[in-house]
Protein backbone atom coordinates (compact mmCIF):
# COMPACT_ATOMS: atom_id res chain seq x y z
CA MET A 1 126.78 120.63 117.19
CA PRO A 2 125.60 117.01 116.78
CA TRP A 3 127.93 114.35 118.03
CA VAL A 4 128.20 111.05 116.20
CA ASP A 5 129.20 108.17 118.45
CA GLU A 6 131.83 106.29 116.45
CA SER A 7 131.98 103.49 119.01
CA ARG A 8 128.30 102.72 118.42
CA LEU A 9 128.92 102.42 114.68
CA ASP A 10 131.55 99.78 115.41
CA ASP A 11 129.20 97.79 117.64
CA PRO A 12 126.76 95.75 115.51
CA GLU A 13 124.80 94.67 118.59
CA ALA A 14 124.30 98.26 119.75
CA MET A 15 123.11 99.26 116.28
CA ARG A 16 120.77 96.29 116.08
CA ALA A 17 119.22 97.23 119.42
CA LEU A 18 118.61 100.80 118.23
CA ASP A 19 117.44 99.84 114.72
CA SER A 20 114.01 98.60 115.79
CA ARG A 21 112.78 97.72 112.30
CA ASP A 22 116.01 96.35 110.82
CA SER A 23 116.56 99.18 108.35
CA LEU A 24 120.14 98.09 107.71
CA ARG A 25 119.00 94.57 106.87
CA SER A 26 116.36 95.93 104.49
CA LEU A 27 118.92 98.13 102.74
CA ALA A 28 121.18 95.09 102.39
CA SER A 29 118.32 93.27 100.64
CA ALA A 30 118.24 95.78 97.76
CA GLY A 31 119.82 93.35 95.30
CA ALA A 32 117.33 90.66 96.29
CA GLN A 33 114.52 93.19 95.89
CA VAL A 34 115.56 93.77 92.28
CA ARG A 35 115.74 90.06 91.43
CA ARG A 36 112.41 89.25 93.08
CA ALA A 37 110.70 92.30 91.57
CA ILE A 38 111.76 91.27 88.05
CA VAL A 39 109.97 87.96 88.57
CA SER A 40 106.92 89.64 90.14
CA ALA A 41 106.66 92.13 87.28
CA GLN A 42 106.88 89.41 84.66
CA GLU A 43 104.34 87.23 86.46
CA ALA A 44 101.95 90.18 86.74
CA GLY A 45 102.26 90.78 82.99
CA VAL A 46 103.62 94.32 82.92
CA ASP A 47 104.22 93.87 79.20
CA ARG A 48 100.42 93.99 78.87
CA ALA A 49 100.24 97.49 80.37
CA ALA A 50 98.43 99.90 78.04
CA GLY A 51 97.23 96.88 76.07
CA GLY A 52 100.79 95.99 75.16
CA GLU A 53 100.99 99.03 72.87
CA ARG A 54 102.91 102.24 73.24
CA PRO A 55 100.71 104.87 74.94
CA ARG A 56 100.40 108.47 73.85
CA SER A 57 102.05 109.58 77.11
CA VAL A 58 103.05 108.22 80.50
CA LEU A 59 102.42 109.83 83.89
CA VAL A 60 104.13 108.46 87.01
CA ALA A 61 102.64 109.14 90.44
CA ALA A 62 104.67 108.57 93.61
CA LEU A 63 105.58 110.53 96.71
CA GLY A 64 107.58 110.36 99.93
CA GLY A 65 110.04 107.50 100.05
CA SER A 66 108.74 106.28 96.68
CA SER A 67 109.24 109.60 94.90
CA LEU A 68 112.61 108.57 93.48
CA VAL A 69 110.66 106.31 91.10
CA CYS A 70 109.40 109.46 89.36
CA ASP A 71 112.84 111.03 89.20
CA VAL A 72 114.54 107.90 87.85
CA LEU A 73 112.02 107.24 85.08
CA ASP A 74 112.11 110.91 84.10
CA LEU A 75 115.92 110.80 83.99
CA LEU A 76 116.18 107.61 81.95
CA ALA A 77 113.34 108.41 79.55
CA GLU A 78 114.29 112.00 78.76
CA PRO A 79 117.09 111.32 76.24
CA GLY A 80 115.23 108.94 73.94
CA SER A 81 111.64 108.19 74.93
CA PRO A 82 109.33 108.37 71.89
CA VAL A 83 106.49 109.63 74.12
CA PRO A 84 106.43 112.26 76.87
CA VAL A 85 106.93 111.09 80.46
CA THR A 86 105.66 113.34 83.25
CA THR A 87 105.50 112.96 87.02
CA ARG A 88 103.06 113.94 89.75
CA ARG A 89 103.19 113.67 93.53
CA ALA A 90 99.55 114.48 94.20
CA ALA A 91 96.22 115.35 92.61
CA PRO A 92 94.86 116.82 90.45
CA LEU A 93 95.45 114.66 87.42
CA PRO A 94 96.30 116.85 84.40
CA GLY A 95 93.33 117.51 82.16
CA TRP A 96 94.97 116.00 79.08
CA VAL A 97 95.19 112.48 80.55
CA GLY A 98 92.69 110.19 78.79
CA PRO A 99 92.13 106.74 77.27
CA LEU A 100 95.28 106.89 75.15
CA ASP A 101 97.59 107.47 78.12
CA LEU A 102 99.20 105.28 80.78
CA VAL A 103 99.26 106.21 84.46
CA ILE A 104 101.75 104.43 86.72
CA ALA A 105 100.94 104.77 90.43
CA VAL A 106 103.40 103.57 93.08
CA SER A 107 102.78 103.21 96.83
CA GLN A 108 104.32 100.59 99.08
CA SER A 109 101.26 100.47 101.35
CA GLY A 110 98.83 101.01 98.50
CA ARG A 111 97.21 103.72 100.60
CA ALA A 112 99.21 106.88 99.87
CA VAL A 113 96.61 109.56 99.19
CA GLY A 114 98.31 111.20 96.20
CA PRO A 115 99.01 108.15 94.01
CA LEU A 116 95.70 106.56 95.04
CA ALA A 117 93.70 109.64 94.04
CA LEU A 118 95.55 109.97 90.73
CA ALA A 119 95.01 106.29 89.93
CA ALA A 120 91.29 106.53 90.74
CA GLU A 121 90.84 109.61 88.55
CA ALA A 122 92.81 107.98 85.71
CA ALA A 123 90.52 104.96 85.92
CA ARG A 124 87.44 107.18 85.72
CA ARG A 125 88.81 108.75 82.55
CA GLY A 126 89.55 105.39 80.97
CA ALA A 127 93.33 105.69 81.03
CA SER A 128 95.45 102.55 81.25
CA LEU A 129 96.75 101.76 84.74
CA LEU A 130 99.90 100.11 86.06
CA THR A 131 100.20 100.07 89.84
CA VAL A 132 102.89 98.84 92.23
CA GLY A 133 102.09 98.33 95.89
CA ALA A 134 100.78 96.02 98.57
CA ALA A 135 98.46 93.19 97.63
CA ASP A 136 94.80 93.57 98.64
CA SER A 137 95.28 97.31 99.11
CA PRO A 138 93.04 100.17 97.93
CA LEU A 139 95.50 100.84 95.09
CA ALA A 140 95.35 97.22 93.96
CA ASP A 141 91.55 97.37 94.10
CA VAL A 142 91.40 100.52 91.95
CA CYS A 143 93.68 98.85 89.43
CA ALA A 144 91.64 95.64 89.34
CA ARG A 145 88.39 97.52 88.76
CA ALA A 146 90.06 99.44 85.91
CA ARG A 147 91.37 96.16 84.41
CA GLY A 148 94.92 97.41 84.79
CA VAL A 149 98.09 95.60 85.81
CA HIS A 150 99.07 95.49 89.48
CA VAL A 151 102.46 94.30 90.76
CA ASP A 152 102.66 93.26 94.41
CA VAL A 153 105.62 94.55 96.43
CA ALA A 154 108.24 91.82 96.16
CA LEU A 155 109.79 91.79 99.64
CA ALA A 156 108.61 93.18 102.96
CA ALA A 157 110.43 96.29 104.22
CA PRO A 158 109.78 98.66 107.12
CA SER A 159 109.27 101.72 104.91
CA SER A 160 109.08 102.84 101.31
CA ARG A 161 112.58 104.28 101.75
CA THR A 162 114.01 100.82 102.31
CA ALA A 163 111.68 99.18 99.75
CA LEU A 164 112.87 101.44 96.93
CA TRP A 165 114.07 98.71 94.57
CA SER A 166 110.92 96.63 95.01
CA LEU A 167 108.95 99.68 93.85
CA LEU A 168 111.26 100.95 91.11
CA THR A 169 112.14 97.68 89.36
CA PRO A 170 108.63 96.80 88.05
CA VAL A 171 108.31 100.31 86.63
CA LEU A 172 111.63 99.93 84.80
CA VAL A 173 110.63 96.50 83.47
CA ALA A 174 107.39 97.98 82.12
CA ALA A 175 109.14 101.03 80.68
CA ASP A 176 111.59 98.78 78.85
CA ALA A 177 108.77 96.62 77.47
CA LEU A 178 107.03 99.76 76.17
CA GLY A 179 110.23 101.06 74.56
CA LEU A 180 110.46 104.13 76.80
CA VAL A 181 113.88 103.27 78.27
CA HIS A 182 116.57 100.70 77.64
CA CYS A 183 116.55 98.69 80.84
CA PRO A 184 116.19 94.98 80.06
CA PRO A 185 116.35 92.29 82.75
CA SER A 186 120.04 91.72 81.95
CA VAL A 187 120.83 95.30 82.97
CA LEU A 188 118.68 95.00 86.09
CA GLU A 189 120.55 91.83 87.05
CA ARG A 190 123.77 93.86 86.93
CA VAL A 191 122.09 96.51 89.08
CA ALA A 192 121.34 93.80 91.63
CA ASP A 193 125.02 92.82 91.59
CA VAL A 194 126.03 96.46 92.16
CA LEU A 195 123.64 96.72 95.10
CA ASP A 196 125.01 93.51 96.57
CA GLY A 197 128.54 94.87 96.24
CA VAL A 198 127.70 98.11 98.04
CA ALA A 199 125.86 96.21 100.76
CA ASP A 200 128.94 94.06 101.35
CA GLU A 201 131.23 97.10 101.59
CA CYS A 202 128.81 98.86 103.94
CA ARG A 203 127.89 95.90 106.14
CA PRO A 204 127.49 96.68 109.86
CA SER A 205 130.48 94.51 110.84
CA SER A 206 132.83 96.57 108.64
CA GLU A 207 134.80 98.96 110.85
CA SER A 208 134.16 102.68 110.59
CA PHE A 209 137.55 103.58 109.12
CA VAL A 210 137.09 101.27 106.08
CA ASN A 211 133.31 101.26 105.66
CA PRO A 212 132.61 104.00 103.07
CA ALA A 213 129.11 104.74 104.38
CA LYS A 214 130.36 105.06 107.98
CA VAL A 215 133.22 107.32 106.82
CA LEU A 216 130.70 109.65 105.18
CA ALA A 217 128.38 109.56 108.20
CA LEU A 218 131.20 110.51 110.57
CA GLY A 219 132.47 113.23 108.25
CA LEU A 220 129.14 114.85 107.46
CA GLY A 221 127.73 114.42 110.96
CA ALA A 222 129.44 117.53 112.30
CA THR A 223 128.58 119.72 109.29
CA VAL A 224 125.69 121.45 107.57
CA PRO A 225 125.53 119.08 104.57
CA VAL A 226 125.32 120.18 100.96
CA VAL A 227 124.87 117.31 98.49
CA LEU A 228 125.87 118.26 94.96
CA GLY A 229 125.52 116.18 91.83
CA ASP A 230 127.81 116.99 88.92
CA GLY A 231 125.11 116.31 86.32
CA PRO A 232 121.53 115.08 85.78
CA LEU A 233 122.17 111.51 86.97
CA THR A 234 124.06 112.46 90.10
CA GLY A 235 121.53 115.24 90.65
CA VAL A 236 118.85 112.56 91.12
CA ALA A 237 121.16 110.76 93.55
CA ALA A 238 121.73 114.06 95.40
CA THR A 239 117.97 114.58 95.78
CA ARG A 240 117.63 111.11 97.25
CA ALA A 241 120.60 111.62 99.59
CA ALA A 242 119.22 114.90 100.94
CA SER A 243 115.82 113.28 101.48
CA MET A 244 117.39 110.35 103.33
CA LEU A 245 119.49 112.66 105.51
CA ALA A 246 116.36 114.57 106.53
CA ARG A 247 113.90 111.69 106.93
CA THR A 248 116.23 109.00 108.26
CA ALA A 249 119.03 110.89 110.08
CA ARG A 250 116.89 113.99 110.89
CA VAL A 251 119.66 116.20 109.50
CA PRO A 252 118.51 118.97 107.14
CA ALA A 253 120.53 119.06 103.93
CA THR A 254 120.45 121.16 100.81
CA HIS A 255 121.06 119.66 97.41
CA GLY A 256 121.53 120.62 93.81
CA ALA A 257 122.93 119.60 90.46
CA LEU A 258 125.42 121.23 88.15
CA PRO A 259 125.52 123.40 86.16
CA ASP A 260 122.54 125.22 87.73
CA ALA A 261 123.67 124.93 91.36
CA ALA A 262 127.30 126.01 90.83
CA SER A 263 126.92 129.65 91.78
CA GLN A 264 124.62 129.08 94.76
CA VAL A 265 126.99 126.50 96.27
CA VAL A 266 130.06 128.65 95.74
CA ALA A 267 128.26 131.73 97.10
CA CYS A 268 127.56 129.90 100.36
CA LEU A 269 131.32 129.54 100.87
CA ASP A 270 131.41 133.25 101.75
CA GLY A 271 128.63 132.97 104.30
CA PRO A 272 128.47 132.16 108.01
CA PHE A 273 128.73 128.40 107.42
CA GLY A 274 131.62 128.74 104.98
CA SER A 275 134.73 130.83 105.39
CA GLY A 276 132.80 133.54 107.25
CA PRO A 277 133.04 137.30 106.80
CA ASP A 278 136.18 137.57 108.91
CA ASP A 279 138.20 135.07 106.93
CA SER A 280 140.83 136.37 104.56
CA GLY A 281 140.06 133.62 102.05
CA GLY A 282 142.53 130.92 102.96
CA GLY A 283 140.07 128.96 105.07
CA ARG A 284 139.06 129.53 108.67
CA SER A 285 141.40 128.09 111.30
CA ASP A 286 140.12 126.83 114.65
CA ASP A 287 141.58 128.12 117.90
CA LEU A 288 143.48 125.26 119.54
CA PHE A 289 143.18 126.98 122.92
CA ALA A 290 139.43 127.64 122.74
CA ASP A 291 137.50 126.44 125.79
CA PRO A 292 134.16 124.92 124.70
CA TYR A 293 132.68 125.63 128.15
CA LEU A 294 133.64 129.32 128.21
CA ASP A 295 133.63 130.11 124.51
CA GLY A 296 130.72 127.89 123.49
CA PRO A 297 130.78 125.12 120.89
CA PRO A 298 132.54 125.78 117.60
CA ALA A 299 130.37 127.11 114.80
CA GLN A 300 129.08 124.56 112.35
CA ARG A 301 130.64 124.45 108.92
CA LEU A 302 129.30 123.45 105.57
CA GLY A 303 130.18 119.94 104.45
CA LEU A 304 130.15 119.24 100.73
CA LEU A 305 129.29 115.78 99.45
CA ALA A 306 130.11 115.82 95.74
CA LEU A 307 128.59 112.95 93.78
CA ARG A 308 130.51 112.32 90.57
CA ASP A 309 129.48 110.56 87.36
CA PRO A 310 132.35 108.93 85.44
CA ASP A 311 130.44 109.34 82.16
CA LEU A 312 130.39 113.15 81.93
CA ALA A 313 131.54 115.43 79.14
CA PRO A 314 134.89 117.21 79.74
CA ASP A 315 133.31 120.65 80.22
CA ALA A 316 130.97 119.29 82.90
CA VAL A 317 133.90 117.59 84.64
CA ALA A 318 135.83 120.86 84.58
CA LEU A 319 132.95 122.75 86.22
CA ALA A 320 132.58 120.12 88.94
CA ASP A 321 136.34 120.18 89.57
CA ALA A 322 136.23 123.98 89.89
CA VAL A 323 133.41 123.91 92.44
CA VAL A 324 135.17 121.24 94.50
CA ALA A 325 138.45 123.17 94.34
CA SER A 326 136.73 126.34 95.58
CA ALA A 327 135.26 124.42 98.52
CA ARG A 328 138.59 122.84 99.42
CA GLU A 329 140.36 126.21 99.34
CA THR A 330 137.80 127.56 101.79
CA GLY A 331 138.70 124.80 104.21
CA ILE A 332 135.30 123.16 104.57
CA PRO A 333 135.15 119.35 104.64
CA VAL A 334 134.73 117.93 101.14
CA PHE A 335 133.80 114.35 100.34
CA GLU A 336 133.82 113.10 96.77
CA GLN A 337 132.10 109.88 95.76
CA GLN A 338 132.29 108.56 92.21
CA ALA A 339 129.64 106.27 90.80
CA ARG A 340 130.63 102.85 89.56
CA SER A 341 130.86 102.44 85.82
CA GLY A 342 128.11 100.83 83.76
CA ALA A 343 124.69 101.68 82.39
CA PRO A 344 123.02 104.81 83.80
CA ILE A 345 120.84 102.84 86.22
CA GLU A 346 123.91 100.94 87.47
CA ARG A 347 125.80 104.16 88.12
CA LEU A 348 122.81 105.66 89.88
CA ALA A 349 122.28 102.53 91.99
CA SER A 350 125.84 102.61 93.31
CA LEU A 351 125.41 106.15 94.66
CA VAL A 352 121.87 105.70 95.99
CA ALA A 353 122.84 102.54 97.86
CA LEU A 354 125.89 104.17 99.44
CA THR A 355 124.08 107.31 100.59
CA ASP A 356 121.12 105.26 101.89
CA PHE A 357 123.54 103.39 104.15
CA MET A 358 125.29 106.65 105.05
CA ALA A 359 122.07 108.31 106.25
CA THR A 360 121.11 105.22 108.25
CA TYR A 361 124.51 105.02 109.94
CA LEU A 362 124.35 108.73 110.71
CA ALA A 363 120.99 108.22 112.44
CA LEU A 364 122.40 105.36 114.49
CA GLY A 365 125.55 107.32 115.34
CA LEU A 366 123.35 110.14 116.62
CA GLY A 367 121.44 107.68 118.81
CA LEU A 368 118.28 107.74 116.65
CA ASP A 369 116.12 104.91 115.38
CA PRO A 370 116.30 105.21 111.56
CA SER A 371 112.70 104.06 111.07
CA VAL A 372 110.76 105.69 113.91
CA SER A 373 110.27 109.44 114.36
CA ARG A 374 108.02 110.64 117.16
CA HIS A 375 107.20 113.86 115.34
CA VAL A 376 106.29 112.07 112.12
CA THR A 377 104.00 109.78 114.10
CA GLU A 378 102.38 112.78 115.79
CA LEU A 379 101.93 114.48 112.42
CA ARG A 380 100.13 111.43 111.05
CA ASP A 381 97.89 111.32 114.10
CA ARG A 382 96.99 114.98 113.69
CA THR A 383 96.19 114.69 110.00
CA SER A 384 94.44 111.30 109.95
């Protein structure tokens, strides 16, 4: 069972020494990323994307730490976009993409193979291009040769995971200008305020018993995490949280969104990580007299992180309440986190920011550098 060192989480100097690339500082800059990216997007002329006219369709290409850009635009555009919005992580580019369509490719380094290949193929077919990434990168070069619009990454960050808002904001500014989503600069300014608020609550100097991100890290650190969103918006946040737990904290986590995931989550309560086959249903009790040296470490339990949206219909709220109640009755640890009120992107930002900090604190509590993974480095060496 992993052991999270609470004393380390209450020692800013110890965390700073372990956090070699200042991940916590980069996460705290999320609000500044939004404000600077609004300016960068406007200066780059994102309103001129697709010739300033509404395209026949929009395809968004991003992967890895940038992949949330795809999920967010899909989420926000689905209810009212007048044109279809699709997403891709890698080639091939769908055969229907042509001169009437807009392809948005996002890569912090400007070198990610998937978005770069999709952008290059879109340029060959004469599609309009909007790219977000590093200046003077291969992606920027492809965009320039296609006479598209390129937005430079606003602020430096150690990874695409911590540069999320520099990558997402220009896409939202462009989508608003094209009439695909309602996300004007005034809404994005409020998003920046939300991100600043979460960063203040989750600052490293805030003690572990009052810091909401540290509370979640300590609670989920000894469990097999399940991150559950109670609807489409929180489902996107759950996907991001599970990705951050795996990539940043090196803790595998499953995720899902209601209503689809209700039965699979509840079914797991009967399994070896839930109540277990020998439990009578009232929740498994631990033996106070168990000797961890003779009897071995206690079995790991599921831990449910329920992400809640305050703007849900009553029937969806009832289903989420029922799933949470079933988990509590089983006796597994349950953590509920409600999004702040506001526009959809504000609500989403409040949950993403909190769980980003949570995964980073969990990594630090486990004695891991949030930004550097030996096995990821070896994988890149073997595939380069």
